[in-house]
Amino acid sequence: MTSKYFEQLSDVPVKRALLSVSDKTGILELASGLQKHQVEIISTGGTAQILRESGIPVTDVSEVTGFPECLDGRVKTLHPKIHGGLLARPNLKEHSRTLKELDIKPIQLVVVNLYPFGEAVACRPDDPEYAVENIDIGGPAMVRASAKNLENVCIATHPDQYADILAEIDRNNGSISARTRAALAAKAFSLTSSYDMAISTYLLGKTKEEQEEERSQGQRQGQNQGQELHQNLDPEINSSLHLKAPLYQTLRYGENPHQSAAVYGDPGQYIDYFHGKELSYNNYLDIDAALQLGADFSESNKTLCAIYKHSLPCGAALADTARKAWEKAFSTDTVSPFGGIILFNRPVDAETAESVDKIFSEIILAPGFSDDALELLTRKSNRRLIRILQWPDRSTPQIRSVAGGYLWQHPDTDFRRESRNVVTKRQPDQQQWATLEFAWIVAKHVKSNAIVYARDMQTIGVGTGQPNRVDSSRIAVQKAEQFGHTLEGSVVASDAFFPFADGLEEAARAGATSVIQPGGSIRDDEVIKKADELGISMVFTGVRHFRH
């Protein structure tokens, strides 16, 4: 439908052009090329001066409008003689009559780039007045008006576009095609959208600083207005959500072959995909899941190996070397890793590569690979190798689409709010404490209801995604038994509280001697009592880690 519309539009001969640019790059070359085609050039301020000094005939906007620039240049092009020329549709009798009555001449080419607001803010971040003075008003108005009237006007917003425009005018007898006008109009609207978003983000940022100060003052004064205050002054939550990301890559298909798919944004700042087949939609999901877990262990003094399948960890371990970490993680479940994703938080050496190479894996991610490891791992063309350039920013908000809108949340990373309260008579020993912390982080990345059994800094049974916690625990136990692990002396992590003592009893029967969970159930006392009866230690964190 859209394609047919553009096909019906005619080429537009360029007789009159308005040039008003902040960035003067390439403007003389463009104006000279237009002059050869006897295009009348209108311009403003500094742009007009540069053209005139170079001997290019130019008409000042003030001559067209009959009104001088005023208010320190804030008002230059905001006039009917300009915007009438941009928005008029001369082919319509009523518009043509109005143009004659008001002595307005149409403009076919507009070349505008906007005040450099982003540069101004970066240069003087603590000067709001300077930032405000660098908010362009007339420029975006001309850009949007020209883009709206793409039927009759071509809009250029960047010096990179000038050469192509001149080339088309040269080969097309002074005219510009509808397709070129439409393409440039789309870029123009994208520009004004980004420009407005940058301004909005800056102003909201300043507002948030004030809101944070208000909230801090209120807290210092002992004012506690509860959830309503939190909602009104939460600096993370804006009044509207703006999503904008450039196309990064089209994909062969989505989760299934009949679904089209693409990647937007810039994954390349985090991963360097340098060997193997093109990444798929599902690969990106698995990679992201693995990177998020790796980020939570990025500061560990141990080597992490995590094995993912269908965006879930089926094995994870910490060890002194990459090979030992791999062997421990793989032993959790020796079936699921086939065709899976393997992540290391340290470079992969030849010894580790040789061990990993014994099974087929879709992807291996690591901060680096030794030359010998690469020589071995690159022999298989269907294996994808990825260097981790940096860990994901754990402060980045998470956004998911739902019917009719989007869900926004701050990422689940704020471990600082967590406590570590031993609520039982028995205390965890030093080794249990370390493994409890390890299992607790892994559980955060397992879909709820999440149960993770671990011993000696490795997972030995993972139960995930079940409607109730007891079933998850049973699955974790069955997995451990299936792959030859004894649960005697293990620890268990639960992403949410045990609503009843039966889940705890299930863990104790399996052999667990220590538990970490958020607590917060109305039956906490009952669960604690049962733990004491069973002779196991239990730690409450005060924070749950659901992952739906």
Protein backbone atom coordinates (compact mmCIF):
# COMPACT_ATOMS: atom_id res chain seq x y z
CA MET A 1 0.00 0.00 0.00
CA THR A 2 2.75 2.47 1.01
CA SER A 3 4.88 1.50 -2.00
CA LYS A 4 2.01 2.24 -4.42
CA TYR A 5 1.54 5.66 -2.85
CA PHE A 6 5.14 6.66 -3.52
CA GLU A 7 5.02 5.28 -7.04
CA GLN A 8 2.20 7.70 -7.79
CA LEU A 9 4.22 10.73 -6.74
CA SER A 10 6.10 12.71 -9.36
CA ASP A 11 9.68 13.90 -9.37
CA VAL A 12 9.98 17.40 -7.94
CA PRO A 13 12.05 20.02 -9.81
CA VAL A 14 14.15 21.99 -7.34
CA LYS A 15 13.68 25.71 -7.99
CA ARG A 16 14.02 27.08 -4.48
CA ALA A 17 16.09 25.81 -1.54
CA LEU A 18 16.36 26.86 2.10
CA LEU A 19 19.74 26.25 3.73
CA SER A 20 20.07 26.78 7.50
CA VAL A 21 22.72 24.66 9.17
CA SER A 22 24.56 24.53 12.47
CA ASP A 23 27.20 22.16 11.03
CA LYS A 24 28.62 23.97 7.97
CA THR A 25 30.41 20.85 6.64
CA GLY A 26 29.84 20.49 2.90
CA ILE A 27 27.39 23.39 2.66
CA LEU A 28 29.49 25.37 0.16
CA GLU A 29 29.80 22.39 -2.17
CA LEU A 30 26.06 21.79 -1.98
CA ALA A 31 25.21 25.44 -2.60
CA SER A 32 27.62 25.60 -5.55
CA GLY A 33 26.00 22.54 -7.09
CA LEU A 34 22.55 24.05 -6.64
CA GLN A 35 23.72 27.32 -8.15
CA LYS A 36 24.70 25.46 -11.34
CA HIS A 37 21.07 24.41 -11.67
CA GLN A 38 19.94 28.03 -11.08
CA VAL A 39 18.27 27.17 -7.78
CA GLU A 40 17.28 30.21 -5.70
CA ILE A 41 18.94 29.87 -2.28
CA ILE A 42 17.41 31.23 0.92
CA SER A 43 19.43 31.16 4.12
CA THR A 44 19.81 32.42 7.67
CA GLY A 45 22.48 34.09 9.79
CA GLY A 46 25.87 32.43 9.72
CA THR A 47 25.00 30.14 6.82
CA ALA A 48 23.99 33.08 4.63
CA GLN A 49 27.18 34.94 5.52
CA ILE A 50 29.41 31.99 4.55
CA LEU A 51 27.61 31.58 1.22
CA ARG A 52 27.76 35.29 0.45
CA GLU A 53 31.48 35.48 1.29
CA SER A 54 32.06 32.65 -1.18
CA GLY A 55 30.31 34.53 -3.95
CA ILE A 56 27.14 32.43 -3.96
CA PRO A 57 23.96 34.49 -4.41
CA VAL A 58 21.72 34.12 -1.36
CA THR A 59 18.52 35.68 -0.07
CA ASP A 60 18.21 36.22 3.67
CA VAL A 61 15.15 34.72 5.34
CA SER A 62 14.39 38.16 6.77
CA GLU A 63 14.01 39.47 3.20
CA VAL A 64 11.48 36.73 2.47
CA THR A 65 9.47 37.22 5.65
CA GLY A 66 9.80 41.02 5.82
CA PHE A 67 10.59 40.52 9.48
CA PRO A 68 14.02 40.68 11.15
CA GLU A 69 15.50 37.91 13.26
CA CYS A 70 14.72 38.70 16.88
CA LEU A 71 14.95 37.57 20.50
CA ASP A 72 18.64 36.67 20.23
CA GLY A 73 17.95 34.55 17.16
CA ARG A 74 15.20 32.50 18.81
CA VAL A 75 12.79 33.60 16.06
CA LYS A 76 14.09 33.43 12.51
CA THR A 77 12.14 31.02 10.32
CA LEU A 78 8.90 30.74 12.30
CA HIS A 79 6.83 32.67 9.78
CA PRO A 80 3.99 31.87 7.28
CA LYS A 81 6.18 32.95 4.36
CA ILE A 82 8.54 30.10 5.28
CA HIS A 83 6.24 27.41 6.61
CA GLY A 84 3.63 28.14 3.98
CA GLY A 85 6.32 27.47 1.39
CA LEU A 86 7.21 24.21 3.11
CA LEU A 87 3.71 22.85 3.70
CA ALA A 88 1.89 24.01 0.58
CA ARG A 89 0.59 21.49 -1.95
CA PRO A 90 0.68 23.56 -5.16
CA ASN A 91 -1.23 20.93 -7.14
CA LEU A 92 -4.33 21.64 -5.04
CA LYS A 93 -6.33 24.59 -6.39
CA GLU A 94 -7.10 25.98 -2.94
CA HIS A 95 -3.43 25.84 -1.90
CA SER A 96 -2.32 27.40 -5.19
CA ARG A 97 -4.83 30.24 -4.78
CA THR A 98 -3.70 30.86 -1.19
CA LEU A 99 -0.05 30.99 -2.22
CA LYS A 100 -0.86 33.70 -4.79
CA GLU A 101 -3.05 35.71 -2.39
CA LEU A 102 -0.39 35.71 0.36
CA ASP A 103 2.59 35.99 -2.01
CA ILE A 104 4.17 32.77 -0.71
CA LYS A 105 6.58 30.88 -2.92
CA PRO A 106 6.98 27.08 -2.53
CA ILE A 107 10.30 25.64 -1.35
CA GLN A 108 11.34 22.27 -2.80
CA LEU A 109 14.59 21.55 -0.91
CA VAL A 110 15.31 22.19 2.75
CA VAL A 111 18.76 21.61 4.26
CA VAL A 112 18.75 21.86 8.05
CA ASN A 113 20.78 20.40 10.86
CA LEU A 114 19.97 21.18 14.44
CA TYR A 115 21.68 23.00 17.28
CA PRO A 116 24.13 20.48 18.83
CA PHE A 117 22.20 19.97 22.06
CA GLY A 118 24.06 16.76 23.00
CA GLU A 119 27.44 18.42 22.53
CA ALA A 120 26.34 21.41 24.57
CA VAL A 121 25.28 19.23 27.48
CA ALA A 122 28.48 17.18 27.29
CA CYS A 123 30.58 20.35 27.20
CA ARG A 124 28.79 22.05 30.11
CA PRO A 125 26.80 19.36 31.95
CA ASP A 126 26.11 21.52 35.00
CA ASP A 127 24.81 24.55 33.10
CA PRO A 128 21.05 24.07 32.47
CA GLU A 129 20.70 27.60 31.04
CA TYR A 130 23.31 26.84 28.39
CA ALA A 131 21.59 23.54 27.61
CA VAL A 132 18.21 25.24 27.21
CA GLU A 133 19.66 27.86 24.85
CA ASN A 134 20.90 24.99 22.68
CA ILE A 135 17.42 23.55 22.22
CA ASP A 136 16.55 24.14 18.58
CA ILE A 137 12.96 25.19 17.87
CA GLY A 138 12.87 26.58 14.35
CA GLY A 139 15.06 23.80 12.97
CA PRO A 140 12.88 20.85 14.09
CA ALA A 141 9.79 22.79 12.96
CA MET A 142 11.21 23.15 9.43
CA VAL A 143 12.44 19.55 9.39
CA ARG A 144 9.06 18.15 10.41
CA ALA A 145 7.13 20.43 8.05
CA SER A 146 9.34 19.45 5.11
CA ALA A 147 9.19 15.76 5.97
CA LYS A 148 5.42 15.87 6.26
CA ASN A 149 5.19 17.44 2.82
CA LEU A 150 7.45 14.85 1.19
CA GLU A 151 5.03 14.94 -1.73
CA ASN A 152 6.53 18.29 -2.69
CA VAL A 153 9.65 18.85 -0.56
CA CYS A 154 12.97 17.09 -0.02
CA ILE A 155 14.54 17.42 3.43
CA ALA A 156 18.27 16.90 4.08
CA THR A 157 19.48 16.78 7.70
CA HIS A 158 23.10 15.62 7.48
CA PRO A 159 26.15 16.52 5.35
CA ASP A 160 26.51 12.86 4.35
CA GLN A 161 23.31 13.25 2.30
CA TYR A 162 24.43 16.22 0.19
CA ALA A 163 26.50 14.38 -2.42
CA ASP A 164 23.71 11.90 -3.24
CA ILE A 165 21.17 14.72 -3.53
CA LEU A 166 23.38 16.67 -5.93
CA ALA A 167 24.12 13.54 -7.95
CA GLU A 168 20.40 12.85 -8.35
CA ILE A 169 19.68 16.45 -9.31
CA ASP A 170 22.47 16.27 -11.93
CA ARG A 171 21.25 13.08 -13.57
CA ASN A 172 17.53 13.86 -13.19
CA ASN A 173 17.44 17.26 -14.92
CA GLY A 174 17.20 19.23 -11.69
CA SER A 175 14.60 17.03 -9.98
CA ILE A 176 14.48 14.75 -6.93
CA SER A 177 12.56 11.46 -6.97
CA ALA A 178 9.72 10.51 -4.63
CA ARG A 179 11.63 7.55 -3.24
CA THR A 180 14.57 9.74 -2.27
CA ARG A 181 12.24 12.27 -0.66
CA ALA A 182 10.47 9.53 1.28
CA ALA A 183 13.73 7.96 2.49
CA LEU A 184 15.09 11.31 3.65
CA ALA A 185 11.78 12.21 5.31
CA ALA A 186 11.95 9.00 7.34
CA LYS A 187 15.47 9.87 8.48
CA ALA A 188 14.32 13.38 9.32
CA PHE A 189 11.55 12.16 11.62
CA SER A 190 14.00 9.76 13.23
CA LEU A 191 16.35 12.69 13.86
CA THR A 192 13.72 14.91 15.49
CA SER A 193 12.55 11.97 17.60
CA SER A 194 16.08 11.33 18.88
CA TYR A 195 16.64 15.04 19.42
CA ASP A 196 13.49 15.43 21.51
CA MET A 197 14.33 12.30 23.48
CA ALA A 198 17.78 13.66 24.33
CA ILE A 199 16.23 16.88 25.61
CA SER A 200 13.58 14.99 27.56
CA THR A 201 16.18 12.70 29.12
CA TYR A 202 18.30 15.68 30.17
CA LEU A 203 15.41 17.61 31.69
CA LEU A 204 14.01 14.55 33.44
CA GLY A 205 17.48 13.84 34.78
CA LYS A 206 17.61 17.26 36.36
CA THR A 207 14.10 16.79 37.72
CA LYS A 208 15.09 13.43 39.17
CA GLU A 209 18.04 15.01 40.97
CA GLU A 210 15.66 17.46 42.60
CA GLN A 211 13.21 14.66 43.43
CA GLU A 212 15.97 12.59 44.99
CA GLU A 213 17.02 15.57 47.09
CA GLU A 214 13.41 16.09 48.19
CA ARG A 215 13.09 12.45 49.13
CA SER A 216 16.39 12.52 51.03
CA GLN A 217 15.30 15.61 52.94
CA GLY A 218 12.02 13.95 53.77
CA GLN A 219 13.83 10.89 55.08
CA ARG A 220 16.21 13.01 57.12
CA GLN A 221 13.22 14.76 58.67
CA GLY A 222 11.66 11.44 59.50
CA GLN A 223 8.84 11.82 57.01
CA ASN A 224 7.61 8.48 55.77
CA GLN A 225 4.73 8.69 53.36
CA GLY A 226 4.89 5.02 52.38
CA GLN A 227 4.43 3.53 48.94
CA GLU A 228 2.74 6.60 47.46
CA LEU A 229 5.88 8.71 48.00
CA HIS A 230 8.03 5.95 46.52
CA GLN A 231 5.88 5.81 43.39
CA ASN A 232 5.75 9.57 42.92
CA LEU A 233 9.44 10.23 43.44
CA ASP A 234 11.12 7.06 42.18
CA PRO A 235 13.90 8.51 40.00
CA GLU A 236 13.99 5.39 37.85
CA ILE A 237 10.42 5.64 36.58
CA ASN A 238 9.51 8.17 33.90
CA SER A 239 6.03 9.32 32.96
CA SER A 240 6.44 7.69 29.54
CA LEU A 241 8.61 5.02 27.95
CA HIS A 242 10.62 5.75 24.81
CA LEU A 243 12.16 2.86 22.89
CA LYS A 244 14.63 3.56 20.11
CA ALA A 245 17.35 1.30 18.79
CA PRO A 246 18.86 0.99 15.31
CA LEU A 247 18.62 -2.25 13.36
CA TYR A 248 21.70 -4.31 14.21
CA GLN A 249 21.06 -7.45 12.19
CA THR A 250 18.26 -9.34 10.49
CA LEU A 251 18.04 -13.00 11.49
CA ARG A 252 17.19 -16.06 9.46
CA TYR A 253 14.11 -16.59 11.62
CA GLY A 254 12.84 -16.25 15.18
CA GLU A 255 12.19 -18.94 17.76
CA ASN A 256 10.72 -21.04 14.95
CA PRO A 257 11.38 -21.05 11.18
CA HIS A 258 8.02 -19.46 10.33
CA GLN A 259 8.76 -16.36 12.47
CA SER A 260 10.72 -13.43 11.06
CA ALA A 261 13.17 -11.79 13.45
CA ALA A 262 15.85 -9.14 13.89
CA VAL A 263 18.24 -7.73 16.49
CA TYR A 264 18.17 -4.04 17.41
CA GLY A 265 20.65 -2.01 19.40
CA ASP A 266 24.34 -2.85 19.67
CA PRO A 267 25.16 -6.33 21.03
CA GLY A 268 28.61 -5.87 19.52
CA GLN A 269 29.67 -3.73 22.46
CA TYR A 270 29.43 -6.83 24.68
CA ILE A 271 30.31 -9.76 22.44
CA ASP A 272 32.67 -10.38 19.53
CA TYR A 273 31.22 -13.22 17.49
CA PHE A 274 34.22 -14.29 15.42
CA HIS A 275 33.79 -17.92 14.39
CA GLY A 276 31.01 -20.20 13.23
CA LYS A 277 27.55 -19.92 11.77
CA GLU A 278 25.37 -16.83 12.01
CA LEU A 279 23.81 -16.36 15.44
CA SER A 280 20.12 -17.19 15.68
CA TYR A 281 17.30 -15.63 17.68
CA ASN A 282 17.51 -18.44 20.25
CA ASN A 283 21.30 -18.09 20.38
CA TYR A 284 20.94 -14.45 21.37
CA LEU A 285 18.53 -15.40 24.17
CA ASP A 286 20.91 -18.07 25.50
CA ILE A 287 23.91 -15.77 25.22
CA ASP A 288 22.16 -13.03 27.15
CA ALA A 289 21.07 -15.44 29.90
CA ALA A 290 24.63 -16.75 30.24
CA LEU A 291 26.14 -13.26 30.26
CA GLN A 292 23.79 -12.14 33.02
CA LEU A 293 24.92 -15.03 35.23
CA GLY A 294 28.56 -14.39 34.33
CA ALA A 295 28.17 -10.74 35.29
CA ASP A 296 27.11 -11.75 38.79
CA PHE A 297 30.37 -13.71 39.14
CA SER A 298 32.56 -11.25 37.22
CA GLU A 299 34.34 -10.13 40.40
CA SER A 300 34.91 -13.63 41.76
CA ASN A 301 38.51 -14.69 42.34
CA LYS A 302 37.55 -18.14 41.07
CA THR A 303 36.94 -19.32 37.51
CA LEU A 304 33.27 -19.78 36.65
CA CYS A 305 31.91 -22.23 34.13
CA ALA A 306 28.17 -22.11 33.42
CA ILE A 307 26.39 -24.35 30.93
CA TYR A 308 23.09 -23.13 29.48
CA LYS A 309 20.33 -24.85 27.54
CA HIS A 310 17.10 -23.11 26.52
CA SER A 311 18.18 -20.03 28.52
CA LEU A 312 18.46 -22.05 31.76
CA PRO A 313 21.61 -23.10 33.63
CA CYS A 314 21.91 -26.89 33.65
CA GLY A 315 25.28 -26.75 35.43
CA ALA A 316 27.54 -24.20 37.06
CA ALA A 317 30.69 -24.30 39.15
CA LEU A 318 33.56 -22.26 40.55
CA ALA A 319 37.09 -23.67 40.63
CA ASP A 320 40.76 -22.67 40.56
CA THR A 321 41.11 -23.44 36.83
CA ALA A 322 38.84 -23.30 33.81
CA ARG A 323 39.17 -27.04 33.21
CA LYS A 324 38.19 -27.94 36.77
CA ALA A 325 35.24 -25.52 36.60
CA TRP A 326 34.13 -27.14 33.34
CA GLU A 327 34.39 -30.67 34.70
CA LYS A 328 32.43 -29.77 37.83
CA ALA A 329 29.72 -27.89 35.90
CA PHE A 330 29.41 -30.66 33.29
CA SER A 331 29.03 -33.32 35.97
CA THR A 332 25.80 -31.69 37.18
CA ASP A 333 23.98 -33.00 34.11
CA THR A 334 26.00 -34.84 31.44
CA VAL A 335 23.11 -35.02 28.95
CA SER A 336 21.67 -31.50 28.65
CA PRO A 337 24.97 -29.73 27.74
CA PHE A 338 25.01 -31.34 24.26
CA GLY A 339 24.20 -28.53 21.84
CA GLY A 340 24.29 -26.03 24.71
CA ILE A 341 26.02 -22.78 25.56
CA ILE A 342 29.22 -22.83 27.64
CA LEU A 343 30.42 -19.70 29.40
CA PHE A 344 33.67 -18.98 31.21
CA ASN A 345 34.53 -15.82 33.13
CA ARG A 346 38.26 -16.37 32.45
CA PRO A 347 40.19 -17.07 29.21
CA VAL A 348 40.08 -20.62 27.84
CA ASP A 349 43.40 -22.44 27.61
CA ALA A 350 44.34 -25.48 25.50
CA GLU A 351 43.74 -27.96 28.31
CA THR A 352 40.22 -26.67 28.89
CA ALA A 353 39.51 -26.54 25.15
CA GLU A 354 40.54 -30.16 24.78
CA SER A 355 38.14 -31.21 27.53
CA VAL A 356 35.24 -29.11 26.23
CA ASP A 357 35.83 -30.33 22.68
CA LYS A 358 34.77 -33.84 23.65
CA ILE A 359 31.10 -32.86 23.37
CA PHE A 360 29.22 -30.86 20.77
CA SER A 361 28.36 -27.37 21.94
CA GLU A 362 26.60 -24.61 20.03
CA ILE A 363 28.51 -21.70 21.55
CA ILE A 364 31.52 -21.12 23.77
CA LEU A 365 31.83 -17.68 25.37
CA ALA A 366 34.90 -16.44 27.21
CA PRO A 367 36.87 -13.21 27.68
CA GLY A 368 39.62 -14.78 25.59
CA PHE A 369 41.12 -17.93 24.07
CA SER A 370 44.74 -19.01 23.89
CA ASP A 371 46.19 -19.62 20.43
CA ASP A 372 46.31 -23.39 21.03
CA ALA A 373 42.70 -23.37 22.26
CA LEU A 374 41.60 -21.50 19.13
CA GLU A 375 43.46 -23.86 16.86
CA LEU A 376 41.49 -26.77 18.32
CA LEU A 377 38.09 -25.14 18.77
CA THR A 378 37.91 -23.57 15.30
CA ARG A 379 38.21 -26.95 13.59
CA LYS A 380 34.45 -27.34 13.93
CA SER A 381 32.77 -24.82 11.65
CA ASN A 382 29.34 -25.33 13.22
CA ARG A 383 30.57 -24.26 16.65
CA ARG A 384 30.24 -20.56 17.41
CA LEU A 385 33.02 -18.86 19.36
CA ILE A 386 32.45 -15.54 21.10
CA ARG A 387 34.78 -13.24 22.99
CA ILE A 388 33.19 -11.42 25.90
CA LEU A 389 34.23 -7.78 25.49
CA GLN A 390 32.54 -6.57 28.64
CA TRP A 391 29.94 -7.82 31.08
CA PRO A 392 26.41 -6.45 30.81
CA ASP A 393 25.67 -3.31 32.77
CA ARG A 394 23.72 -4.72 35.69
CA SER A 395 21.97 -1.38 36.23
CA THR A 396 20.24 -1.47 32.83
CA PRO A 397 16.44 -1.64 33.23
CA GLN A 398 14.59 -4.66 31.84
CA ILE A 399 11.70 -4.23 29.41
CA ARG A 400 9.27 -6.88 28.20
CA SER A 401 6.27 -6.56 25.92
CA VAL A 402 2.81 -7.62 27.09
CA ALA A 403 -0.60 -7.36 25.46
CA GLY A 404 -1.32 -3.67 25.14
CA GLY A 405 1.97 -2.35 26.45
CA TYR A 406 5.29 -2.94 28.15
CA LEU A 407 6.57 -3.98 31.56
CA TRP A 408 9.54 -2.07 32.99
CA GLN A 409 11.60 -3.01 35.99
CA HIS A 410 14.93 -2.29 37.59
CA PRO A 411 17.19 -5.35 37.20
CA ASP A 412 17.44 -7.87 40.02
CA THR A 413 20.94 -6.93 41.12
CA ASP A 414 20.71 -5.03 44.36
CA PHE A 415 22.25 -7.57 46.73
CA ARG A 416 23.13 -4.68 49.02
CA ARG A 417 19.58 -4.70 50.38
CA GLU A 418 19.91 -8.32 51.41
CA SER A 419 20.66 -9.50 54.90
CA ARG A 420 22.12 -12.83 55.98
CA ASN A 421 20.28 -13.89 59.10
CA VAL A 422 20.80 -17.37 60.49
CA VAL A 423 17.37 -18.18 61.95
CA THR A 424 18.10 -21.70 63.23
CA LYS A 425 20.00 -23.08 66.18
CA ARG A 426 22.55 -24.65 63.88
CA GLN A 427 25.01 -22.35 62.11
CA PRO A 428 26.46 -22.99 58.62
CA ASP A 429 30.15 -23.77 58.66
CA GLN A 430 32.65 -21.83 56.52
CA GLN A 431 32.42 -24.16 53.51
CA GLN A 432 28.63 -24.14 53.66
CA TRP A 433 28.55 -20.35 53.74
CA ALA A 434 30.60 -20.10 50.55
CA THR A 435 28.46 -22.69 48.76
CA LEU A 436 25.23 -21.11 50.01
CA GLU A 437 26.27 -17.79 48.45
CA PHE A 438 27.18 -19.56 45.20
CA ALA A 439 23.89 -21.47 45.05
CA TRP A 440 21.93 -18.34 45.92
CA ILE A 441 23.31 -16.43 42.92
CA VAL A 442 22.71 -19.36 40.57
CA ALA A 443 19.12 -19.69 41.85
CA LYS A 444 18.51 -16.09 40.80
CA HIS A 445 19.06 -17.18 37.19
CA VAL A 446 16.85 -20.28 37.35
CA LYS A 447 13.18 -19.85 36.51
CA SER A 448 10.84 -19.92 39.48
CA ASN A 449 10.02 -21.97 41.32
CA ALA A 450 13.81 -22.35 41.54
CA ILE A 451 15.59 -24.93 43.68
CA VAL A 452 19.35 -25.38 43.44
CA TYR A 453 21.30 -28.06 45.30
CA ALA A 454 25.04 -27.48 45.52
CA ARG A 455 28.16 -28.78 47.19
CA ASP A 456 31.78 -27.60 47.07
CA MET A 457 30.95 -24.62 44.81
CA GLN A 458 29.16 -26.61 42.13
CA THR A 459 25.56 -27.35 41.29
CA ILE A 460 24.51 -30.97 41.73
CA GLY A 461 20.77 -30.68 41.14
CA VAL A 462 18.65 -27.94 39.54
CA GLY A 463 14.84 -27.81 39.68
CA THR A 464 13.20 -25.10 37.60
CA GLY A 465 9.93 -23.69 36.33
CA GLN A 466 7.47 -25.85 38.25
CA PRO A 467 4.09 -24.64 39.55
CA ASN A 468 5.07 -25.55 43.12
CA ARG A 469 8.30 -25.61 45.08
CA VAL A 470 8.02 -29.24 46.18
CA ASP A 471 7.95 -30.46 42.57
CA SER A 472 11.00 -28.32 41.77
CA SER A 473 12.82 -29.83 44.73
CA ARG A 474 11.90 -33.37 43.65
CA ILE A 475 13.15 -32.72 40.12
CA ALA A 476 16.43 -31.34 41.46
CA VAL A 477 16.85 -34.44 43.63
CA GLN A 478 16.01 -36.77 40.73
CA LYS A 479 18.53 -34.98 38.52
CA ALA A 480 21.24 -35.33 41.13
CA GLU A 481 20.56 -39.04 41.58
CA GLN A 482 20.38 -39.58 37.79
CA PHE A 483 23.91 -38.26 37.34
CA GLY A 484 25.44 -40.01 40.34
CA HIS A 485 25.53 -37.21 42.90
CA THR A 486 24.88 -37.80 46.57
CA LEU A 487 23.04 -34.98 48.28
CA GLU A 488 24.36 -35.82 51.71
CA GLY A 489 25.86 -32.68 53.20
CA SER A 490 24.64 -30.46 50.33
CA VAL A 491 23.15 -27.00 50.59
CA VAL A 492 19.97 -25.85 48.89
CA ALA A 493 18.90 -22.42 47.65
CA SER A 494 15.28 -21.43 47.04
CA ASP A 495 14.46 -18.25 45.12
CA ALA A 496 11.41 -17.59 47.33
CA PHE A 497 10.23 -18.62 50.77
CA PHE A 498 8.96 -22.06 51.64
CA PRO A 499 5.22 -21.51 52.17
CA PHE A 500 5.00 -24.77 54.11
CA ALA A 501 7.45 -26.98 55.95
CA ASP A 502 6.99 -29.80 53.41
CA GLY A 503 9.49 -28.25 50.98
CA LEU A 504 12.07 -28.09 53.70
CA GLU A 505 11.35 -31.68 54.68
CA GLU A 506 11.88 -32.74 51.06
CA ALA A 507 15.31 -31.07 51.07
CA ALA A 508 16.28 -32.66 54.38
CA ARG A 509 15.21 -36.12 53.22
CA ALA A 510 17.46 -35.68 50.19
CA GLY A 511 20.44 -34.98 52.47
CA ALA A 512 20.68 -31.18 52.53
CA THR A 513 22.14 -29.80 55.75
CA SER A 514 21.84 -26.07 55.07
CA VAL A 515 19.27 -23.87 53.34
CA ILE A 516 19.24 -20.29 52.04
CA GLN A 517 15.92 -18.60 51.23
CA PRO A 518 14.32 -15.15 51.48
CA GLY A 519 11.94 -15.88 54.34
CA GLY A 520 8.80 -13.79 54.69
CA SER A 521 6.13 -16.49 54.85
CA ILE A 522 3.37 -16.26 57.44
CA ARG A 523 4.54 -19.77 58.38
CA ASP A 524 8.21 -18.85 58.85
CA ASP A 525 8.05 -19.87 62.50
CA GLU A 526 6.72 -23.28 61.49
CA VAL A 527 9.46 -23.73 58.88
CA ILE A 528 12.19 -22.61 61.30
CA LYS A 529 10.90 -25.01 63.94
CA LYS A 530 10.96 -27.86 61.44
CA ALA A 531 14.55 -26.94 60.43
CA ASP A 532 15.60 -27.12 64.08
CA GLU A 533 13.86 -30.49 64.46
CA LEU A 534 15.73 -31.77 61.39
CA GLY A 535 19.04 -30.40 62.62
CA ILE A 536 19.77 -28.23 59.56
CA SER A 537 20.92 -24.63 59.38
CA MET A 538 18.86 -22.01 57.56
CA VAL A 539 19.67 -18.49 56.36
CA PHE A 540 17.11 -15.80 55.54
CA THR A 541 18.13 -13.09 53.03
CA GLY A 542 15.04 -10.90 53.18
CA VAL A 543 14.91 -10.58 49.38
CA ARG A 544 13.44 -13.01 46.88
CA HIS A 545 14.65 -13.63 43.32
CA PHE A 546 11.71 -14.70 41.18
CA ARG A 547 12.49 -15.08 37.48
CA HIS A 548 9.36 -15.59 35.40
